[in-house]
Amino acid sequence: STMSVSKVYECIEADSAGNCPSGAPVSPAIAAGLLPG
């Protein structure tokens, strides 16, 4: 792994396609404002 972010998921329960279950809280990365790159 590099230290570069390639993808940010909407929630930590996201499936392999990145889809989140209904009502799942946002991921810590989204809440913090992390972005790909």
PDB file of all heavy atoms in Angstrom:
ATOM      1  N   SER A   1       0.826  -1.199   0.000  1.00  0.00           N
ATOM      2  CA  SER A   1       0.000   0.000   0.000  1.00  0.00           C
ATOM      3  C   SER A   1       0.865   1.255   0.000  1.00  0.00           C
ATOM      4  O   SER A   1       1.915   1.300   0.649  1.00  0.00           O
ATOM      5  CB  SER A   1      -0.917   0.012   1.224  1.00  0.00           C
ATOM      6  OG  SER A   1      -1.807  -1.080   1.206  1.00  0.00           O
ATOM      7  N   THR A   2       0.425   2.239  -0.722  1.00  0.00           N
ATOM      8  CA  THR A   2       1.061   3.548  -0.676  1.00  0.00           C
ATOM      9  C   THR A   2       0.360   4.387   0.382  1.00  0.00           C
ATOM     10  O   THR A   2      -0.587   3.945   1.024  1.00  0.00           O
ATOM     11  CB  THR A   2       0.980   4.238  -2.043  1.00  0.00           C
ATOM     12  OG1 THR A   2      -0.396   4.539  -2.347  1.00  0.00           O
ATOM     13  CG2 THR A   2       1.539   3.328  -3.131  1.00  0.00           C
ATOM     14  N   MET A   3       0.794   5.584   0.572  1.00  0.00           N
ATOM     15  CA  MET A   3       0.162   6.485   1.530  1.00  0.00           C
ATOM     16  C   MET A   3      -0.892   7.365   0.865  1.00  0.00           C
ATOM     17  O   MET A   3      -1.445   8.273   1.493  1.00  0.00           O
ATOM     18  CB  MET A   3       1.234   7.351   2.191  1.00  0.00           C
ATOM     19  CG  MET A   3       2.293   6.550   2.948  1.00  0.00           C
ATOM     20  SD  MET A   3       1.604   5.590   4.298  1.00  0.00           S
ATOM     21  CE  MET A   3       1.320   6.916   5.474  1.00  0.00           C
ATOM     22  N   SER A   4      -1.175   7.057  -0.396  1.00  0.00           N
ATOM     23  CA  SER A   4      -2.144   7.839  -1.146  1.00  0.00           C
ATOM     24  C   SER A   4      -3.517   7.163  -1.125  1.00  0.00           C
ATOM     25  O   SER A   4      -3.628   5.948  -1.299  1.00  0.00           O
ATOM     26  CB  SER A   4      -1.678   8.020  -2.587  1.00  0.00           C
ATOM     27  OG  SER A   4      -2.581   8.761  -3.341  1.00  0.00           O
ATOM     28  N   VAL A   5      -4.577   7.962  -0.912  1.00  0.00           N
ATOM     29  CA  VAL A   5      -5.946   7.461  -0.886  1.00  0.00           C
ATOM     30  C   VAL A   5      -6.449   7.311  -2.324  1.00  0.00           C
ATOM     31  O   VAL A   5      -6.432   8.271  -3.094  1.00  0.00           O
ATOM     32  CB  VAL A   5      -6.871   8.412  -0.098  1.00  0.00           C
ATOM     33  CG1 VAL A   5      -8.311   7.910  -0.125  1.00  0.00           C
ATOM     34  CG2 VAL A   5      -6.374   8.557   1.341  1.00  0.00           C
ATOM     35  N   SER A   6      -6.874   6.096  -2.685  1.00  0.00           N
ATOM     36  CA  SER A   6      -7.396   5.878  -4.037  1.00  0.00           C
ATOM     37  C   SER A   6      -8.922   5.924  -4.090  1.00  0.00           C
ATOM     38  O   SER A   6      -9.504   6.226  -5.123  1.00  0.00           O
ATOM     39  CB  SER A   6      -6.897   4.533  -4.593  1.00  0.00           C
ATOM     40  OG  SER A   6      -7.425   3.448  -3.846  1.00  0.00           O
ATOM     41  N   LYS A   7      -9.585   5.609  -2.958  1.00  0.00           N
ATOM     42  CA  LYS A   7     -11.047   5.594  -2.944  1.00  0.00           C
ATOM     43  C   LYS A   7     -11.544   5.897  -1.537  1.00  0.00           C
ATOM     44  O   LYS A   7     -10.945   5.468  -0.555  1.00  0.00           O
ATOM     45  CB  LYS A   7     -11.567   4.234  -3.411  1.00  0.00           C
ATOM     46  CG  LYS A   7     -13.073   4.179  -3.616  1.00  0.00           C
ATOM     47  CD  LYS A   7     -13.487   2.833  -4.224  1.00  0.00           C
ATOM     48  CE  LYS A   7     -14.989   2.790  -4.490  1.00  0.00           C
ATOM     49  NZ  LYS A   7     -15.376   1.486  -5.126  1.00  0.00           N
ATOM     50  N   VAL A   8     -12.630   6.628  -1.451  1.00  0.00           N
ATOM     51  CA  VAL A   8     -13.271   6.941  -0.178  1.00  0.00           C
ATOM     52  C   VAL A   8     -14.680   6.368  -0.196  1.00  0.00           C
ATOM     53  O   VAL A   8     -15.464   6.660  -1.105  1.00  0.00           O
ATOM     54  CB  VAL A   8     -13.318   8.455   0.078  1.00  0.00           C
ATOM     55  CG1 VAL A   8     -14.036   8.748   1.402  1.00  0.00           C
ATOM     56  CG2 VAL A   8     -11.914   9.049   0.104  1.00  0.00           C
ATOM     57  N   TYR A   9     -15.002   5.524   0.804  1.00  0.00           N
ATOM     58  CA  TYR A   9     -16.316   4.895   0.877  1.00  0.00           C
ATOM     59  C   TYR A   9     -17.274   5.760   1.690  1.00  0.00           C
ATOM     60  O   TYR A   9     -16.863   6.422   2.656  1.00  0.00           O
ATOM     61  CB  TYR A   9     -16.217   3.499   1.498  1.00  0.00           C
ATOM     62  CG  TYR A   9     -15.432   2.514   0.655  1.00  0.00           C
ATOM     63  CD1 TYR A   9     -14.099   2.230   0.949  1.00  0.00           C
ATOM     64  CD2 TYR A   9     -16.027   1.883  -0.424  1.00  0.00           C
ATOM     65  CE1 TYR A   9     -13.386   1.334   0.185  1.00  0.00           C
ATOM     66  CE2 TYR A   9     -15.311   0.976  -1.204  1.00  0.00           C
ATOM     67  CZ  TYR A   9     -13.993   0.713  -0.894  1.00  0.00           C
ATOM     68  OH  TYR A   9     -13.280  -0.173  -1.669  1.00  0.00           O
ATOM     69  N   GLU A  10     -18.549   5.739   1.289  1.00  0.00           N
ATOM     70  CA  GLU A  10     -19.563   6.527   1.980  1.00  0.00           C
ATOM     71  C   GLU A  10     -19.774   6.038   3.405  1.00  0.00           C
ATOM     72  O   GLU A  10     -20.105   6.815   4.300  1.00  0.00           O
ATOM     73  CB  GLU A  10     -20.882   6.482   1.209  1.00  0.00           C
ATOM     74  CG  GLU A  10     -20.853   7.195  -0.139  1.00  0.00           C
ATOM     75  CD  GLU A  10     -20.714   8.696  -0.002  1.00  0.00           C
ATOM     76  OE1 GLU A  10     -21.190   9.249   1.029  1.00  0.00           O
ATOM     77  OE2 GLU A  10     -20.107   9.320  -0.893  1.00  0.00           O
ATOM     78  N   CYS A  11     -19.581   4.717   3.634  1.00  0.00           N
ATOM     79  CA  CYS A  11     -19.742   4.142   4.969  1.00  0.00           C
ATOM     80  C   CYS A  11     -18.764   2.989   5.110  1.00  0.00           C
ATOM     81  O   CYS A  11     -18.252   2.458   4.120  1.00  0.00           O
ATOM     82  CB  CYS A  11     -21.178   3.655   5.197  1.00  0.00           C
ATOM     83  SG  CYS A  11     -21.652   2.290   4.122  1.00  0.00           S
ATOM     84  N   ILE A  12     -18.504   2.574   6.343  1.00  0.00           N
ATOM     85  CA  ILE A  12     -17.555   1.478   6.543  1.00  0.00           C
ATOM     86  C   ILE A  12     -18.207   0.117   6.300  1.00  0.00           C
ATOM     87  O   ILE A  12     -17.502  -0.898   6.217  1.00  0.00           O
ATOM     88  CB  ILE A  12     -16.944   1.523   7.961  1.00  0.00           C
ATOM     89  CG1 ILE A  12     -18.020   1.381   9.042  1.00  0.00           C
ATOM     90  CG2 ILE A  12     -16.150   2.792   8.158  1.00  0.00           C
ATOM     91  CD1 ILE A  12     -17.456   1.291  10.446  1.00  0.00           C
ATOM     92  N   GLU A  13     -19.542   0.064   6.190  1.00  0.00           N
ATOM     93  CA  GLU A  13     -20.242  -1.192   5.902  1.00  0.00           C
ATOM     94  C   GLU A  13     -20.461  -1.403   4.414  1.00  0.00           C
ATOM     95  O   GLU A  13     -21.177  -2.299   3.991  1.00  0.00           O
ATOM     96  CB  GLU A  13     -21.611  -1.231   6.604  1.00  0.00           C
ATOM     97  CG  GLU A  13     -21.561  -1.219   8.122  1.00  0.00           C
ATOM     98  CD  GLU A  13     -21.600   0.180   8.674  1.00  0.00           C
ATOM     99  OE1 GLU A  13     -21.584   1.148   7.850  1.00  0.00           O
ATOM    100  OE2 GLU A  13     -21.621   0.351   9.909  1.00  0.00           O
ATOM    101  N   ALA A  14     -19.807  -0.582   3.566  1.00  0.00           N
ATOM    102  CA  ALA A  14     -20.014  -0.662   2.129  1.00  0.00           C
ATOM    103  C   ALA A  14     -19.584  -2.021   1.588  1.00  0.00           C
ATOM    104  O   ALA A  14     -18.616  -2.628   2.059  1.00  0.00           O
ATOM    105  CB  ALA A  14     -19.240   0.446   1.421  1.00  0.00           C
ATOM    106  N   ASP A  15     -20.341  -2.513   0.563  1.00  0.00           N
ATOM    107  CA  ASP A  15     -19.977  -3.773  -0.069  1.00  0.00           C
ATOM    108  C   ASP A  15     -18.868  -3.545  -1.084  1.00  0.00           C
ATOM    109  O   ASP A  15     -18.320  -2.440  -1.203  1.00  0.00           O
ATOM    110  CB  ASP A  15     -21.201  -4.426  -0.718  1.00  0.00           C
ATOM    111  CG  ASP A  15     -21.873  -3.528  -1.764  1.00  0.00           C
ATOM    112  OD1 ASP A  15     -21.199  -2.616  -2.305  1.00  0.00           O
ATOM    113  OD2 ASP A  15     -23.071  -3.750  -2.057  1.00  0.00           O
ATOM    114  N   SER A  16     -18.501  -4.615  -1.820  1.00  0.00           N
ATOM    115  CA  SER A  16     -17.386  -4.516  -2.764  1.00  0.00           C
ATOM    116  C   SER A  16     -17.645  -3.501  -3.865  1.00  0.00           C
ATOM    117  O   SER A  16     -16.706  -2.954  -4.455  1.00  0.00           O
ATOM    118  CB  SER A  16     -17.103  -5.892  -3.381  1.00  0.00           C
ATOM    119  OG  SER A  16     -18.264  -6.402  -4.024  1.00  0.00           O
ATOM    120  N   ALA A  17     -18.916  -3.241  -4.163  1.00  0.00           N
ATOM    121  CA  ALA A  17     -19.260  -2.254  -5.182  1.00  0.00           C
ATOM    122  C   ALA A  17     -19.342  -0.841  -4.621  1.00  0.00           C
ATOM    123  O   ALA A  17     -19.577   0.120  -5.360  1.00  0.00           O
ATOM    124  CB  ALA A  17     -20.582  -2.625  -5.845  1.00  0.00           C
ATOM    125  N   GLY A  18     -19.151  -0.702  -3.293  1.00  0.00           N
ATOM    126  CA  GLY A  18     -19.205   0.616  -2.666  1.00  0.00           C
ATOM    127  C   GLY A  18     -20.578   1.037  -2.208  1.00  0.00           C
ATOM    128  O   GLY A  18     -20.761   2.183  -1.775  1.00  0.00           O
ATOM    129  N   ASN A  19     -21.566   0.137  -2.275  1.00  0.00           N
ATOM    130  CA  ASN A  19     -22.943   0.465  -1.869  1.00  0.00           C
ATOM    131  C   ASN A  19     -23.103   0.318  -0.363  1.00  0.00           C
ATOM    132  O   ASN A  19     -22.615  -0.648   0.247  1.00  0.00           O
ATOM    133  CB  ASN A  19     -23.940  -0.436  -2.590  1.00  0.00           C
ATOM    134  CG  ASN A  19     -23.852  -0.280  -4.105  1.00  0.00           C
ATOM    135  OD1 ASN A  19     -23.763   0.834  -4.624  1.00  0.00           O
ATOM    136  ND2 ASN A  19     -23.864  -1.411  -4.830  1.00  0.00           N
ATOM    137  N   CYS A  20     -23.815   1.270   0.247  1.00  0.00           N
ATOM    138  CA  CYS A  20     -24.022   1.265   1.691  1.00  0.00           C
ATOM    139  C   CYS A  20     -25.433   0.803   2.037  1.00  0.00           C
ATOM    140  O   CYS A  20     -26.384   1.103   1.309  1.00  0.00           O
ATOM    141  CB  CYS A  20     -23.814   2.665   2.271  1.00  0.00           C
ATOM    142  SG  CYS A  20     -22.112   3.261   2.158  1.00  0.00           S
ATOM    143  N   PRO A  21     -25.601   0.063   3.135  1.00  0.00           N
ATOM    144  CA  PRO A  21     -26.947  -0.290   3.580  1.00  0.00           C
ATOM    145  C   PRO A  21     -27.716   0.948   4.024  1.00  0.00           C
ATOM    146  O   PRO A  21     -27.123   1.964   4.414  1.00  0.00           O
ATOM    147  CB  PRO A  21     -26.684  -1.254   4.745  1.00  0.00           C
ATOM    148  CG  PRO A  21     -25.305  -0.967   5.196  1.00  0.00           C
ATOM    149  CD  PRO A  21     -24.547  -0.497   4.012  1.00  0.00           C
ATOM    150  N   SER A  22     -29.027   0.863   3.957  1.00  0.00           N
ATOM    151  CA  SER A  22     -29.867   1.995   4.332  1.00  0.00           C
ATOM    152  C   SER A  22     -29.650   2.388   5.789  1.00  0.00           C
ATOM    153  O   SER A  22     -29.613   1.543   6.678  1.00  0.00           O
ATOM    154  CB  SER A  22     -31.341   1.644   4.098  1.00  0.00           C
ATOM    155  OG  SER A  22     -32.184   2.705   4.489  1.00  0.00           O
ATOM    156  N   GLY A  23     -29.470   3.658   6.024  1.00  0.00           N
ATOM    157  CA  GLY A  23     -29.311   4.164   7.376  1.00  0.00           C
ATOM    158  C   GLY A  23     -27.923   4.050   7.955  1.00  0.00           C
ATOM    159  O   GLY A  23     -27.702   4.432   9.115  1.00  0.00           O
ATOM    160  N   ALA A  24     -26.977   3.547   7.184  1.00  0.00           N
ATOM    161  CA  ALA A  24     -25.614   3.410   7.689  1.00  0.00           C
ATOM    162  C   ALA A  24     -24.984   4.788   7.895  1.00  0.00           C
ATOM    163  O   ALA A  24     -25.125   5.672   7.049  1.00  0.00           O
ATOM    164  CB  ALA A  24     -24.769   2.590   6.720  1.00  0.00           C
ATOM    165  N   PRO A  25     -24.287   4.994   9.008  1.00  0.00           N
ATOM    166  CA  PRO A  25     -23.634   6.290   9.234  1.00  0.00           C
ATOM    167  C   PRO A  25     -22.492   6.497   8.234  1.00  0.00           C
ATOM    168  O   PRO A  25     -21.904   5.539   7.726  1.00  0.00           O
ATOM    169  CB  PRO A  25     -23.109   6.174  10.669  1.00  0.00           C
ATOM    170  CG  PRO A  25     -22.961   4.706  10.909  1.00  0.00           C
ATOM    171  CD  PRO A  25     -24.040   4.040  10.124  1.00  0.00           C
ATOM    172  N   VAL A  26     -22.186   7.763   7.971  1.00  0.00           N
ATOM    173  CA  VAL A  26     -21.105   8.057   7.032  1.00  0.00           C
ATOM    174  C   VAL A  26     -19.781   7.582   7.617  1.00  0.00           C
ATOM    175  O   VAL A  26     -19.615   7.484   8.845  1.00  0.00           O
ATOM    176  CB  VAL A  26     -21.042   9.562   6.709  1.00  0.00           C
ATOM    177  CG1 VAL A  26     -22.311  10.018   6.032  1.00  0.00           C
ATOM    178  CG2 VAL A  26     -20.745  10.375   7.949  1.00  0.00           C
ATOM    179  N   SER A  27     -18.856   7.265   6.741  1.00  0.00           N
ATOM    180  CA  SER A  27     -17.548   6.792   7.178  1.00  0.00           C
ATOM    181  C   SER A  27     -16.757   7.915   7.835  1.00  0.00           C
ATOM    182  O   SER A  27     -16.991   9.098   7.561  1.00  0.00           O
ATOM    183  CB  SER A  27     -16.771   6.235   5.985  1.00  0.00           C
ATOM    184  OG  SER A  27     -16.437   7.286   5.090  1.00  0.00           O
ATOM    185  N   PRO A  28     -15.786   7.552   8.713  1.00  0.00           N
ATOM    186  CA  PRO A  28     -14.925   8.582   9.299  1.00  0.00           C
ATOM    187  C   PRO A  28     -14.206   9.413   8.230  1.00  0.00           C
ATOM    188  O   PRO A  28     -13.984  10.611   8.424  1.00  0.00           O
ATOM    189  CB  PRO A  28     -13.933   7.772  10.138  1.00  0.00           C
ATOM    190  CG  PRO A  28     -14.690   6.526  10.508  1.00  0.00           C
ATOM    191  CD  PRO A  28     -15.532   6.217   9.305  1.00  0.00           C
ATOM    192  N   ALA A  29     -13.834   8.799   7.101  1.00  0.00           N
ATOM    193  CA  ALA A  29     -13.141   9.525   6.043  1.00  0.00           C
ATOM    194  C   ALA A  29     -14.028  10.604   5.429  1.00  0.00           C
ATOM    195  O   ALA A  29     -13.578  11.730   5.186  1.00  0.00           O
ATOM    196  CB  ALA A  29     -12.667   8.547   4.965  1.00  0.00           C
ATOM    197  N   ILE A  30     -15.305  10.259   5.161  1.00  0.00           N
ATOM    198  CA  ILE A  30     -16.250  11.242   4.615  1.00  0.00           C
ATOM    199  C   ILE A  30     -16.470  12.374   5.611  1.00  0.00           C
ATOM    200  O   ILE A  30     -16.459  13.559   5.257  1.00  0.00           O
ATOM    201  CB  ILE A  30     -17.583  10.567   4.255  1.00  0.00           C
ATOM    202  CG1 ILE A  30     -17.413   9.661   3.028  1.00  0.00           C
ATOM    203  CG2 ILE A  30     -18.671  11.607   4.008  1.00  0.00           C
ATOM    204  CD1 ILE A  30     -17.177  10.388   1.736  1.00  0.00           C
ATOM    205  N   ALA A  31     -16.646  11.994   6.884  1.00  0.00           N
ATOM    206  CA  ALA A  31     -16.887  13.004   7.913  1.00  0.00           C
ATOM    207  C   ALA A  31     -15.699  13.954   8.061  1.00  0.00           C
ATOM    208  O   ALA A  31     -15.874  15.147   8.342  1.00  0.00           O
ATOM    209  CB  ALA A  31     -17.188  12.319   9.249  1.00  0.00           C
ATOM    210  N   ALA A  32     -14.489  13.420   7.855  1.00  0.00           N
ATOM    211  CA  ALA A  32     -13.293  14.248   8.011  1.00  0.00           C
ATOM    212  C   ALA A  32     -12.985  15.078   6.766  1.00  0.00           C
ATOM    213  O   ALA A  32     -12.215  16.038   6.833  1.00  0.00           O
ATOM    214  CB  ALA A  32     -12.098  13.367   8.342  1.00  0.00           C
ATOM    215  N   GLY A  33     -13.564  14.687   5.620  1.00  0.00           N
ATOM    216  CA  GLY A  33     -13.307  15.419   4.383  1.00  0.00           C
ATOM    217  C   GLY A  33     -12.147  14.883   3.569  1.00  0.00           C
ATOM    218  O   GLY A  33     -11.603  15.581   2.706  1.00  0.00           O
ATOM    219  N   LEU A  34     -11.735  13.597   3.804  1.00  0.00           N
ATOM    220  CA  LEU A  34     -10.697  12.984   2.987  1.00  0.00           C
ATOM    221  C   LEU A  34     -11.189  12.815   1.556  1.00  0.00           C
ATOM    222  O   LEU A  34     -12.351  12.485   1.315  1.00  0.00           O
ATOM    223  CB  LEU A  34     -10.294  11.621   3.547  1.00  0.00           C
ATOM    224  CG  LEU A  34      -9.153  11.581   4.571  1.00  0.00           C
ATOM    225  CD1 LEU A  34      -9.029  10.177   5.151  1.00  0.00           C
ATOM    226  CD2 LEU A  34      -7.819  11.994   3.954  1.00  0.00           C
ATOM    227  N   LEU A  35     -10.272  12.998   0.581  1.00  0.00           N
ATOM    228  CA  LEU A  35     -10.620  12.884  -0.827  1.00  0.00           C
ATOM    229  C   LEU A  35      -9.647  11.939  -1.534  1.00  0.00           C
ATOM    230  O   LEU A  35      -8.485  11.804  -1.108  1.00  0.00           O
ATOM    231  CB  LEU A  35     -10.564  14.259  -1.506  1.00  0.00           C
ATOM    232  CG  LEU A  35     -11.526  15.330  -0.993  1.00  0.00           C
ATOM    233  CD1 LEU A  35     -11.265  16.651  -1.731  1.00  0.00           C
ATOM    234  CD2 LEU A  35     -12.972  14.894  -1.161  1.00  0.00           C
ATOM    235  N   PRO A  36     -10.097  11.273  -2.603  1.00  0.00           N
ATOM    236  CA  PRO A  36      -9.168  10.482  -3.417  1.00  0.00           C
ATOM    237  C   PRO A  36      -8.020  11.354  -3.911  1.00  0.00           C
ATOM    238  O   PRO A  36      -8.234  12.489  -4.345  1.00  0.00           O
ATOM    239  CB  PRO A  36     -10.039   9.985  -4.573  1.00  0.00           C
ATOM    240  CG  PRO A  36     -11.432   9.976  -4.024  1.00  0.00           C
ATOM    241  CD  PRO A  36     -11.497  11.151  -3.090  1.00  0.00           C
ATOM    242  N   GLY A  37      -6.802  10.837  -3.815  1.00  0.00           N
ATOM    243  CA  GLY A  37      -5.624  11.604  -4.201  1.00  0.00           C
ATOM    244  C   GLY A  37      -4.885  12.213  -3.029  1.00  0.00           C
ATOM    245  O   GLY A  37      -3.721  12.610  -3.173  1.00  0.00           O
TER     246      GLY A  37
END
